[in-house]
Amino acid sequence: MAKNYKDISYFETRPDIVKIFDDLEGFLDWCKIEGAPFDEADLYNRESWQWRNFEKSRRPKKAYTGERKPYLGKNPKHERFEN
């Protein structure tokens, strides 16, 4: 029995292709906002400073709690006034 290909979208069956286009679009937007030169060849190229900075901007940030670490002195490994 023949399949009805009118009901099947190419992009629904290929999520890897969708990810490439989403990354390319995000990279283009980032380059526009930052004023960086855009080159499609830099996509997934870790030697490119544009791609490295784009990946860095997409990393989740640590939540800032506002708490400070307690002061442990100049040398926390040794007691300062040990008798």
PDB file of N, CA and C in Angstrom:
ATOM      1  N   MET A   1       0.835  -1.172   0.000  1.00  0.00           N
ATOM      2  CA  MET A   1       0.000   0.000   0.000  1.00  0.00           C
ATOM      3  C   MET A   1       0.887   1.244   0.000  1.00  0.00           C
ATOM      4  N   ALA A   2       0.547   2.210  -0.776  1.00  0.00           N
ATOM      5  CA  ALA A   2       1.334   3.429  -0.922  1.00  0.00           C
ATOM      6  C   ALA A   2       1.038   4.397   0.220  1.00  0.00           C
ATOM      7  N   LYS A   3       2.084   5.137   0.620  1.00  0.00           N
ATOM      8  CA  LYS A   3       1.921   6.139   1.665  1.00  0.00           C
ATOM      9  C   LYS A   3       1.430   7.435   1.051  1.00  0.00           C
ATOM     10  N   ASN A   4       0.680   8.171   1.830  1.00  0.00           N
ATOM     11  CA  ASN A   4       0.227   9.483   1.407  1.00  0.00           C
ATOM     12  C   ASN A   4       1.230  10.510   1.927  1.00  0.00           C
ATOM     13  N   TYR A   5       2.103  10.982   1.051  1.00  0.00           N
ATOM     14  CA  TYR A   5       3.160  11.893   1.463  1.00  0.00           C
ATOM     15  C   TYR A   5       2.687  13.329   1.582  1.00  0.00           C
ATOM     16  N   LYS A   6       1.458  13.622   1.227  1.00  0.00           N
ATOM     17  CA  LYS A   6       0.938  14.979   1.396  1.00  0.00           C
ATOM     18  C   LYS A   6       0.709  15.296   2.867  1.00  0.00           C
ATOM     19  N   ASP A   7       0.481  14.270   3.682  1.00  0.00           N
ATOM     20  CA  ASP A   7       0.214  14.484   5.100  1.00  0.00           C
ATOM     21  C   ASP A   7       1.484  14.497   5.948  1.00  0.00           C
ATOM     22  N   ILE A   8       2.624  14.088   5.386  1.00  0.00           N
ATOM     23  CA  ILE A   8       3.865  13.998   6.143  1.00  0.00           C
ATOM     24  C   ILE A   8       4.768  15.162   5.751  1.00  0.00           C
ATOM     25  N   SER A   9       5.167  15.932   6.758  1.00  0.00           N
ATOM     26  CA  SER A   9       6.093  17.031   6.528  1.00  0.00           C
ATOM     27  C   SER A   9       7.525  16.516   6.631  1.00  0.00           C
ATOM     28  N   TYR A  10       8.389  17.012   5.771  1.00  0.00           N
ATOM     29  CA  TYR A  10       9.788  16.585   5.795  1.00  0.00           C
ATOM     30  C   TYR A  10      10.442  16.943   7.125  1.00  0.00           C
ATOM     31  N   PHE A  11      10.119  18.127   7.652  1.00  0.00           N
ATOM     32  CA  PHE A  11      10.743  18.589   8.880  1.00  0.00           C
ATOM     33  C   PHE A  11      10.213  17.872  10.113  1.00  0.00           C
ATOM     34  N   GLU A  12       9.039  17.275  10.047  1.00  0.00           N
ATOM     35  CA  GLU A  12       8.534  16.499  11.172  1.00  0.00           C
ATOM     36  C   GLU A  12       9.309  15.200  11.334  1.00  0.00           C
ATOM     37  N   THR A  13       9.802  14.662  10.247  1.00  0.00           N
ATOM     38  CA  THR A  13      10.519  13.403  10.306  1.00  0.00           C
ATOM     39  C   THR A  13      12.025  13.605  10.482  1.00  0.00           C
ATOM     40  N   ARG A  14      12.525  14.834  10.377  1.00  0.00           N
ATOM     41  CA  ARG A  14      13.962  15.106  10.491  1.00  0.00           C
ATOM     42  C   ARG A  14      14.233  16.198  11.530  1.00  0.00           C
ATOM     43  N   PRO A  15      14.191  15.877  12.830  1.00  0.00           N
ATOM     44  CA  PRO A  15      14.444  16.902  13.855  1.00  0.00           C
ATOM     45  C   PRO A  15      15.891  17.407  13.840  1.00  0.00           C
ATOM     46  N   ASP A  16      16.833  16.634  13.309  1.00  0.00           N
ATOM     47  CA  ASP A  16      18.213  17.090  13.232  1.00  0.00           C
ATOM     48  C   ASP A  16      18.351  18.271  12.261  1.00  0.00           C
ATOM     49  N   ILE A  17      17.599  18.240  11.174  1.00  0.00           N
ATOM     50  CA  ILE A  17      17.615  19.351  10.221  1.00  0.00           C
ATOM     51  C   ILE A  17      16.983  20.590  10.842  1.00  0.00           C
ATOM     52  N   VAL A  18      15.917  20.397  11.590  1.00  0.00           N
ATOM     53  CA  VAL A  18      15.250  21.518  12.256  1.00  0.00           C
ATOM     54  C   VAL A  18      16.198  22.174  13.255  1.00  0.00           C
ATOM     55  N   LYS A  19      16.990  21.372  13.995  1.00  0.00           N
ATOM     56  CA  LYS A  19      17.937  21.906  14.970  1.00  0.00           C
ATOM     57  C   LYS A  19      19.003  22.746  14.276  1.00  0.00           C
ATOM     58  N   ILE A  20      19.478  22.317  13.123  1.00  0.00           N
ATOM     59  CA  ILE A  20      20.487  23.078  12.398  1.00  0.00           C
ATOM     60  C   ILE A  20      19.943  24.441  11.993  1.00  0.00           C
ATOM     61  N   PHE A  21      18.724  24.460  11.454  1.00  0.00           N
ATOM     62  CA  PHE A  21      18.148  25.741  11.042  1.00  0.00           C
ATOM     63  C   PHE A  21      17.831  26.633  12.238  1.00  0.00           C
ATOM     64  N   ASP A  22      17.394  26.049  13.347  1.00  0.00           N
ATOM     65  CA  ASP A  22      17.144  26.844  14.556  1.00  0.00           C
ATOM     66  C   ASP A  22      18.435  27.449  15.089  1.00  0.00           C
ATOM     67  N   ASP A  23      19.509  26.654  15.102  1.00  0.00           N
ATOM     68  CA  ASP A  23      20.801  27.170  15.556  1.00  0.00           C
ATOM     69  C   ASP A  23      21.319  28.257  14.621  1.00  0.00           C
ATOM     70  N   LEU A  24      21.144  28.062  13.333  1.00  0.00           N
ATOM     71  CA  LEU A  24      21.598  29.060  12.364  1.00  0.00           C
ATOM     72  C   LEU A  24      20.829  30.370  12.536  1.00  0.00           C
ATOM     73  N   GLU A  25      19.533  30.270  12.750  1.00  0.00           N
ATOM     74  CA  GLU A  25      18.722  31.472  12.950  1.00  0.00           C
ATOM     75  C   GLU A  25      19.093  32.178  14.255  1.00  0.00           C
ATOM     76  N   GLY A  26      19.313  31.410  15.314  1.00  0.00           N
ATOM     77  CA  GLY A  26      19.726  31.995  16.584  1.00  0.00           C
ATOM     78  C   GLY A  26      21.092  32.645  16.484  1.00  0.00           C
ATOM     79  N   PHE A  27      22.011  32.001  15.769  1.00  0.00           N
ATOM     80  CA  PHE A  27      23.347  32.553  15.565  1.00  0.00           C
ATOM     81  C   PHE A  27      23.286  33.858  14.781  1.00  0.00           C
ATOM     82  N   LEU A  28      22.437  33.908  13.756  1.00  0.00           N
ATOM     83  CA  LEU A  28      22.264  35.135  12.978  1.00  0.00           C
ATOM     84  C   LEU A  28      21.708  36.253  13.851  1.00  0.00           C
ATOM     85  N   ASP A  29      20.708  35.950  14.666  1.00  0.00           N
ATOM     86  CA  ASP A  29      20.138  36.966  15.555  1.00  0.00           C
ATOM     87  C   ASP A  29      21.173  37.473  16.547  1.00  0.00           C
ATOM     88  N   TRP A  30      21.964  36.559  17.113  1.00  0.00           N
ATOM     89  CA  TRP A  30      22.989  36.954  18.067  1.00  0.00           C
ATOM     90  C   TRP A  30      24.019  37.865  17.403  1.00  0.00           C
ATOM     91  N   CYS A  31      24.431  37.520  16.178  1.00  0.00           N
ATOM     92  CA  CYS A  31      25.404  38.342  15.458  1.00  0.00           C
ATOM     93  C   CYS A  31      24.852  39.734  15.179  1.00  0.00           C
ATOM     94  N   LYS A  32      23.569  39.822  14.866  1.00  0.00           N
ATOM     95  CA  LYS A  32      22.952  41.132  14.626  1.00  0.00           C
ATOM     96  C   LYS A  32      22.941  41.964  15.896  1.00  0.00           C
ATOM     97  N   ILE A  33      22.594  41.347  17.020  1.00  0.00           N
ATOM     98  CA  ILE A  33      22.503  42.078  18.289  1.00  0.00           C
ATOM     99  C   ILE A  33      23.888  42.515  18.761  1.00  0.00           C
ATOM    100  N   GLU A  34      24.867  41.635  18.666  1.00  0.00           N
ATOM    101  CA  GLU A  34      26.215  41.925  19.161  1.00  0.00           C
ATOM    102  C   GLU A  34      27.051  42.716  18.156  1.00  0.00           C
ATOM    103  N   GLY A  35      26.611  42.785  16.917  1.00  0.00           N
ATOM    104  CA  GLY A  35      27.380  43.488  15.897  1.00  0.00           C
ATOM    105  C   GLY A  35      28.573  42.696  15.402  1.00  0.00           C
ATOM    106  N   ALA A  36      28.514  41.404  15.567  1.00  0.00           N
ATOM    107  CA  ALA A  36      29.608  40.527  15.136  1.00  0.00           C
ATOM    108  C   ALA A  36      29.408  40.155  13.668  1.00  0.00           C
ATOM    109  N   PRO A  37      30.496  39.920  12.941  1.00  0.00           N
ATOM    110  CA  PRO A  37      30.345  39.488  11.544  1.00  0.00           C
ATOM    111  C   PRO A  37      29.726  38.101  11.477  1.00  0.00           C
ATOM    112  N   PHE A  38      28.774  37.919  10.581  1.00  0.00           N
ATOM    113  CA  PHE A  38      28.071  36.643  10.454  1.00  0.00           C
ATOM    114  C   PHE A  38      28.622  35.869   9.274  1.00  0.00           C
ATOM    115  N   ASP A  39      28.947  34.608   9.527  1.00  0.00           N
ATOM    116  CA  ASP A  39      29.396  33.714   8.477  1.00  0.00           C
ATOM    117  C   ASP A  39      28.792  32.345   8.770  1.00  0.00           C
ATOM    118  N   GLU A  40      28.077  31.794   7.792  1.00  0.00           N
ATOM    119  CA  GLU A  40      27.424  30.501   7.999  1.00  0.00           C
ATOM    120  C   GLU A  40      28.429  29.393   8.275  1.00  0.00           C
ATOM    121  N   ALA A  41      29.655  29.556   7.780  1.00  0.00           N
ATOM    122  CA  ALA A  41      30.683  28.533   7.977  1.00  0.00           C
ATOM    123  C   ALA A  41      31.111  28.439   9.441  1.00  0.00           C
ATOM    124  N   ASP A  42      30.817  29.446  10.249  1.00  0.00           N
ATOM    125  CA  ASP A  42      31.186  29.421  11.661  1.00  0.00           C
ATOM    126  C   ASP A  42      30.225  28.597  12.506  1.00  0.00           C
ATOM    127  N   LEU A  43      29.132  28.140  11.921  1.00  0.00           N
ATOM    128  CA  LEU A  43      28.169  27.331  12.668  1.00  0.00           C
ATOM    129  C   LEU A  43      28.828  26.034  13.113  1.00  0.00           C
ATOM    130  N   TYR A  44      28.812  25.757  14.419  1.00  0.00           N
ATOM    131  CA  TYR A  44      29.409  24.576  15.061  1.00  0.00           C
ATOM    132  C   TYR A  44      30.934  24.553  14.960  1.00  0.00           C
ATOM    133  N   ASN A  45      31.565  25.662  14.608  1.00  0.00           N
ATOM    134  CA  ASN A  45      33.019  25.736  14.510  1.00  0.00           C
ATOM    135  C   ASN A  45      33.564  26.306  15.814  1.00  0.00           C
ATOM    136  N   ARG A  46      34.167  25.454  16.630  1.00  0.00           N
ATOM    137  CA  ARG A  46      34.665  25.882  17.943  1.00  0.00           C
ATOM    138  C   ARG A  46      35.895  26.771  17.846  1.00  0.00           C
ATOM    139  N   GLU A  47      36.539  26.838  16.710  1.00  0.00           N
ATOM    140  CA  GLU A  47      37.685  27.722  16.546  1.00  0.00           C
ATOM    141  C   GLU A  47      37.254  29.158  16.264  1.00  0.00           C
ATOM    142  N   SER A  48      35.996  29.372  15.941  1.00  0.00           N
ATOM    143  CA  SER A  48      35.483  30.705  15.646  1.00  0.00           C
ATOM    144  C   SER A  48      35.076  31.401  16.945  1.00  0.00           C
ATOM    145  N   TRP A  49      35.570  32.627  17.152  1.00  0.00           N
ATOM    146  CA  TRP A  49      35.231  33.340  18.380  1.00  0.00           C
ATOM    147  C   TRP A  49      33.754  33.710  18.406  1.00  0.00           C
ATOM    148  N   GLN A  50      33.132  33.923  17.232  1.00  0.00           N
ATOM    149  CA  GLN A  50      31.713  34.245  17.204  1.00  0.00           C
ATOM    150  C   GLN A  50      30.892  33.070  17.726  1.00  0.00           C
ATOM    151  N   TRP A  51      31.202  31.864  17.275  1.00  0.00           N
ATOM    152  CA  TRP A  51      30.436  30.693  17.700  1.00  0.00           C
ATOM    153  C   TRP A  51      30.654  30.407  19.185  1.00  0.00           C
ATOM    154  N   ARG A  52      31.902  30.541  19.662  1.00  0.00           N
ATOM    155  CA  ARG A  52      32.170  30.308  21.084  1.00  0.00           C
ATOM    156  C   ARG A  52      31.392  31.285  21.954  1.00  0.00           C
ATOM    157  N   ASN A  53      31.351  32.556  21.578  1.00  0.00           N
ATOM    158  CA  ASN A  53      30.614  33.549  22.358  1.00  0.00           C
ATOM    159  C   ASN A  53      29.114  33.323  22.262  1.00  0.00           C
ATOM    160  N   PHE A  54      28.644  32.874  21.106  1.00  0.00           N
ATOM    161  CA  PHE A  54      27.222  32.556  20.967  1.00  0.00           C
ATOM    162  C   PHE A  54      26.843  31.396  21.882  1.00  0.00           C
ATOM    163  N   GLU A  55      27.660  30.343  21.915  1.00  0.00           N
ATOM    164  CA  GLU A  55      27.390  29.210  22.806  1.00  0.00           C
ATOM    165  C   GLU A  55      27.437  29.640  24.263  1.00  0.00           C
ATOM    166  N   LYS A  56      28.392  30.500  24.594  1.00  0.00           N
ATOM    167  CA  LYS A  56      28.517  30.980  25.973  1.00  0.00           C
ATOM    168  C   LYS A  56      27.285  31.774  26.385  1.00  0.00           C
ATOM    169  N   SER A  57      26.715  32.530  25.460  1.00  0.00           N
ATOM    170  CA  SER A  57      25.535  33.325  25.784  1.00  0.00           C
ATOM    171  C   SER A  57      24.292  32.462  25.984  1.00  0.00           C
ATOM    172  N   ARG A  58      24.305  31.240  25.460  1.00  0.00           N
ATOM    173  CA  ARG A  58      23.137  30.363  25.579  1.00  0.00           C
ATOM    174  C   ARG A  58      23.201  29.445  26.797  1.00  0.00           C
ATOM    175  N   ARG A  59      24.342  29.435  27.514  1.00  0.00           N
ATOM    176  CA  ARG A  59      24.459  28.586  28.701  1.00  0.00           C
ATOM    177  C   ARG A  59      23.564  29.111  29.811  1.00  0.00           C
ATOM    178  N   PRO A  60      23.031  28.205  30.617  1.00  0.00           N
ATOM    179  CA  PRO A  60      22.218  28.676  31.749  1.00  0.00           C
ATOM    180  C   PRO A  60      23.093  29.390  32.778  1.00  0.00           C
ATOM    181  N   LYS A  61      22.577  30.446  33.318  1.00  0.00           N
ATOM    182  CA  LYS A  61      23.304  31.228  34.308  1.00  0.00           C
ATOM    183  C   LYS A  61      23.042  30.669  35.700  1.00  0.00           C
ATOM    184  N   LYS A  62      24.023  30.806  36.591  1.00  0.00           N
ATOM    185  CA  LYS A  62      23.842  30.393  37.976  1.00  0.00           C
ATOM    186  C   LYS A  62      22.922  31.384  38.676  1.00  0.00           C
ATOM    187  N   ALA A  63      22.087  30.859  39.517  1.00  0.00           N
ATOM    188  CA  ALA A  63      21.182  31.728  40.264  1.00  0.00           C
ATOM    189  C   ALA A  63      21.972  32.462  41.340  1.00  0.00           C
ATOM    190  N   TYR A  64      21.804  33.753  41.424  1.00  0.00           N
ATOM    191  CA  TYR A  64      22.482  34.553  42.430  1.00  0.00           C
ATOM    192  C   TYR A  64      21.622  34.583  43.679  1.00  0.00           C
ATOM    193  N   THR A  65      22.162  34.089  44.768  1.00  0.00           N
ATOM    194  CA  THR A  65      21.385  34.027  46.013  1.00  0.00           C
ATOM    195  C   THR A  65      21.556  35.267  46.852  1.00  0.00           C
ATOM    196  N   GLY A  66      22.609  36.043  46.622  1.00  0.00           N
ATOM    197  CA  GLY A  66      22.843  37.246  47.400  1.00  0.00           C
ATOM    198  C   GLY A  66      23.598  36.969  48.689  1.00  0.00           C
ATOM    199  N   GLU A  67      23.864  35.722  48.995  1.00  0.00           N
ATOM    200  CA  GLU A  67      24.585  35.376  50.214  1.00  0.00           C
ATOM    201  C   GLU A  67      26.078  35.381  49.948  1.00  0.00           C
ATOM    202  N   ARG A  68      26.819  35.772  50.970  1.00  0.00           N
ATOM    203  CA  ARG A  68      28.271  35.765  50.863  1.00  0.00           C
ATOM    204  C   ARG A  68      28.826  34.616  51.677  1.00  0.00           C
ATOM    205  N   LYS A  69      29.981  34.151  51.273  1.00  0.00           N
ATOM    206  CA  LYS A  69      30.653  33.110  52.033  1.00  0.00           C
ATOM    207  C   LYS A  69      31.215  33.726  53.313  1.00  0.00           C
ATOM    208  N   PRO A  70      31.266  32.968  54.392  1.00  0.00           N
ATOM    209  CA  PRO A  70      31.830  33.524  55.632  1.00  0.00           C
ATOM    210  C   PRO A  70      33.333  33.739  55.487  1.00  0.00           C
ATOM    211  N   TYR A  71      33.824  34.752  56.168  1.00  0.00           N
ATOM    212  CA  TYR A  71      35.247  35.056  56.129  1.00  0.00           C
ATOM    213  C   TYR A  71      35.992  34.009  56.937  1.00  0.00           C
ATOM    214  N   LEU A  72      36.977  33.382  56.332  1.00  0.00           N
ATOM    215  CA  LEU A  72      37.725  32.322  56.983  1.00  0.00           C
ATOM    216  C   LEU A  72      39.120  32.767  57.396  1.00  0.00           C
ATOM    217  N   GLY A  73      39.439  34.010  57.209  1.00  0.00           N
ATOM    218  CA  GLY A  73      40.765  34.491  57.577  1.00  0.00           C
ATOM    219  C   GLY A  73      41.716  34.436  56.405  1.00  0.00           C
ATOM    220  N   LYS A  74      42.937  34.849  56.686  1.00  0.00           N
ATOM    221  CA  LYS A  74      43.928  34.915  55.625  1.00  0.00           C
ATOM    222  C   LYS A  74      44.323  33.527  55.145  1.00  0.00           C
ATOM    223  N   ASN A  75      44.496  32.596  56.067  1.00  0.00           N
ATOM    224  CA  ASN A  75      44.894  31.243  55.717  1.00  0.00           C
ATOM    225  C   ASN A  75      43.927  30.286  56.417  1.00  0.00           C
ATOM    226  N   PRO A  76      42.885  29.832  55.766  1.00  0.00           N
ATOM    227  CA  PRO A  76      41.859  29.054  56.434  1.00  0.00           C
ATOM    228  C   PRO A  76      42.304  27.653  56.847  1.00  0.00           C
ATOM    229  N   LYS A  77      43.436  27.171  56.358  1.00  0.00           N
ATOM    230  CA  LYS A  77      43.856  25.811  56.682  1.00  0.00           C
ATOM    231  C   LYS A  77      44.462  25.708  58.078  1.00  0.00           C
ATOM    232  N   HIS A  78      45.022  26.794  58.584  1.00  0.00           N
ATOM    233  CA  HIS A  78      45.694  26.783  59.881  1.00  0.00           C
ATOM    234  C   HIS A  78      44.999  27.727  60.836  1.00  0.00           C
ATOM    235  N   GLU A  79      44.973  27.342  62.088  1.00  0.00           N
ATOM    236  CA  GLU A  79      44.452  28.243  63.113  1.00  0.00           C
ATOM    237  C   GLU A  79      45.448  29.376  63.297  1.00  0.00           C
ATOM    238  N   ARG A  80      44.928  30.559  63.400  1.00  0.00           N
ATOM    239  CA  ARG A  80      45.782  31.728  63.482  1.00  0.00           C
ATOM    240  C   ARG A  80      46.408  31.906  64.862  1.00  0.00           C
ATOM    241  N   PHE A  81      45.606  31.703  65.879  1.00  0.00           N
ATOM    242  CA  PHE A  81      46.086  31.927  67.250  1.00  0.00           C
ATOM    243  C   PHE A  81      46.140  30.612  68.004  1.00  0.00           C
ATOM    244  N   GLU A  82      46.813  29.676  67.483  1.00  0.00           N
ATOM    245  CA  GLU A  82      46.908  28.371  68.127  1.00  0.00           C
ATOM    246  C   GLU A  82      48.005  28.398  69.185  1.00  0.00           C
ATOM    247  N   ASN A  83      47.700  27.870  70.362  1.00  0.00           N
ATOM    248  CA  ASN A  83      48.696  27.824  71.450  1.00  0.00           C
ATOM    249  C   ASN A  83      49.386  26.509  71.489  1.00  0.00           C
TER     250      ASN A  83
END
